[in-house]
Amino acid sequence: MAARRTGPVLVEDERAVGYGELWFDAEEDEVELARIIMAPDARGKGLGRALVRGLLAQAAAAGHHDIFLRVHPDNWPASRCYRAAGFLPVDPALAETWNKTQPVAYLRLRHDGEASGA
């Protein structure tokens, strides 16, 4: 069972512009980045990538390096952000298994520390 942990709020000029969570799964010894939200006017500035990297650092500090996320297939700006932060698609068969009970076929990504230099 995953335990939810509230993540940080990203602030720019004293205004909250981003938010994200880490969901730790002790049984699987993995972490999912979730509920990553950016204010529309804050997008395209690299702030989302900074937020994701901050979440990755928190997961690593907690001893987790198996890190996943899911993104709606139509959300190409978020997908581009996650790929720039070192996330790569999981095996298609695994993604299909994970998506069986979901309302859409999410793009499932796994962090590759070597690809991101992290």
Protein backbone atom coordinates (compact mmCIF):
# COMPACT_ATOMS: atom_id res chain seq x y z
CA MET A 1 0.00 0.00 0.00
CA ALA A 2 1.36 3.39 -0.96
CA ALA A 3 1.78 6.02 1.71
CA ARG A 4 1.20 9.53 0.45
CA ARG A 5 3.59 12.27 1.41
CA THR A 6 2.83 15.87 0.65
CA GLY A 7 5.50 17.47 -1.44
CA PRO A 8 6.90 20.93 -1.74
CA VAL A 9 5.31 24.06 -3.08
CA LEU A 10 7.44 25.93 -5.60
CA VAL A 11 7.40 29.68 -4.98
CA GLU A 12 8.45 32.44 -7.36
CA ASP A 13 8.26 36.10 -6.37
CA GLU A 14 6.34 35.19 -3.19
CA ARG A 15 3.64 33.36 -5.21
CA ALA A 16 3.01 29.62 -5.30
CA VAL A 17 3.56 28.47 -8.88
CA GLY A 18 4.01 24.71 -8.53
CA TYR A 19 3.24 21.71 -6.39
CA GLY A 20 4.11 18.02 -6.39
CA GLU A 21 3.92 14.91 -4.21
CA LEU A 22 5.96 11.80 -3.60
CA TRP A 23 4.02 8.59 -3.02
CA PHE A 24 6.18 5.99 -1.30
CA ASP A 25 5.32 2.31 -1.76
CA ALA A 26 7.13 0.31 0.93
CA GLU A 27 5.97 -3.05 -0.46
CA GLU A 28 7.43 -2.37 -3.90
CA ASP A 29 10.32 -0.23 -2.60
CA GLU A 30 9.52 2.45 -5.15
CA VAL A 31 8.28 6.02 -5.33
CA GLU A 32 5.79 7.69 -7.65
CA LEU A 33 5.90 11.39 -8.42
CA ALA A 34 2.29 12.53 -8.41
CA ARG A 35 0.01 15.52 -8.60
CA ILE A 36 2.59 17.74 -10.22
CA ILE A 37 0.86 21.02 -10.94
CA MET A 38 2.25 24.23 -12.40
CA ALA A 39 0.48 27.57 -12.68
CA PRO A 40 -0.26 28.21 -16.37
CA ASP A 41 1.77 31.43 -16.46
CA ALA A 42 4.77 29.66 -14.88
CA ARG A 43 5.05 27.02 -17.59
CA GLY A 44 7.84 27.07 -20.14
CA LYS A 45 10.36 28.67 -17.78
CA GLY A 46 12.07 25.51 -16.52
CA LEU A 47 10.33 25.76 -13.15
CA GLY A 48 8.51 22.45 -13.61
CA ARG A 49 11.81 20.72 -14.27
CA ALA A 50 13.24 22.36 -11.12
CA LEU A 51 10.27 21.09 -9.12
CA VAL A 52 10.68 17.57 -10.51
CA ARG A 53 14.41 17.59 -9.75
CA GLY A 54 13.65 18.72 -6.20
CA LEU A 55 11.21 15.83 -5.79
CA LEU A 56 13.80 13.43 -7.19
CA ALA A 57 16.34 14.72 -4.68
CA GLN A 58 13.87 14.15 -1.83
CA ALA A 59 13.23 10.59 -3.00
CA ALA A 60 16.97 9.90 -3.26
CA ALA A 61 17.57 11.40 0.20
CA ALA A 62 14.96 8.97 1.53
CA GLY A 63 16.94 6.12 -0.05
CA HIS A 64 14.73 5.52 -3.09
CA HIS A 65 16.07 5.33 -6.61
CA ASP A 66 13.24 3.40 -8.31
CA ILE A 67 11.04 6.36 -9.25
CA PHE A 68 8.03 6.36 -11.56
CA LEU A 69 5.32 8.71 -12.74
CA ARG A 70 2.36 8.70 -15.06
CA VAL A 71 1.19 11.43 -17.37
CA HIS A 72 -1.94 11.81 -19.48
CA PRO A 73 -1.09 10.93 -23.09
CA ASP A 74 -2.33 14.34 -24.32
CA ASN A 75 -0.19 16.33 -21.86
CA TRP A 76 2.83 16.74 -24.12
CA PRO A 77 4.28 19.77 -22.24
CA ALA A 78 4.48 17.73 -19.02
CA SER A 79 5.83 14.73 -20.88
CA ARG A 80 8.57 16.91 -22.39
CA CYS A 81 9.43 18.27 -18.93
CA TYR A 82 9.68 14.78 -17.42
CA ARG A 83 11.84 13.48 -20.25
CA ALA A 84 14.17 16.47 -19.84
CA ALA A 85 14.45 15.54 -16.15
CA GLY A 86 15.62 12.02 -17.06
CA PHE A 87 12.40 9.99 -17.25
CA LEU A 88 12.04 7.34 -19.95
CA PRO A 89 9.06 5.17 -20.93
CA VAL A 90 8.69 1.87 -19.09
CA ASP A 91 8.40 -1.40 -21.00
CA PRO A 92 5.11 -1.33 -23.00
CA ALA A 93 3.89 -4.60 -21.44
CA LEU A 94 4.41 -3.17 -17.95
CA ALA A 95 2.63 0.05 -18.89
CA GLU A 96 -0.27 -1.98 -20.27
CA THR A 97 -0.53 -3.95 -17.02
CA TRP A 98 -0.48 -0.79 -14.90
CA ASN A 99 -3.09 0.88 -17.12
CA LYS A 100 -5.62 -1.97 -17.06
CA THR A 101 -7.72 -0.37 -14.31
CA GLN A 102 -7.14 3.24 -15.36
CA PRO A 103 -9.56 5.49 -17.26
CA VAL A 104 -6.92 6.22 -19.95
CA ALA A 105 -3.71 4.62 -21.14
CA TYR A 106 -1.30 6.85 -19.25
CA LEU A 107 2.24 7.30 -20.44
CA ARG A 108 4.26 5.52 -17.74
CA LEU A 109 7.76 6.78 -17.14
CA ARG A 110 10.67 5.67 -14.95
CA HIS A 111 13.52 7.89 -13.88
CA ASP A 112 16.87 7.07 -15.39
CA GLY A 113 19.51 8.79 -13.28
CA GLU A 114 22.17 8.16 -15.90
CA ALA A 115 20.11 9.83 -18.65
CA SER A 116 19.61 12.96 -16.55
CA GLY A 117 23.07 13.12 -15.07
CA ALA A 118 21.49 12.80 -11.61
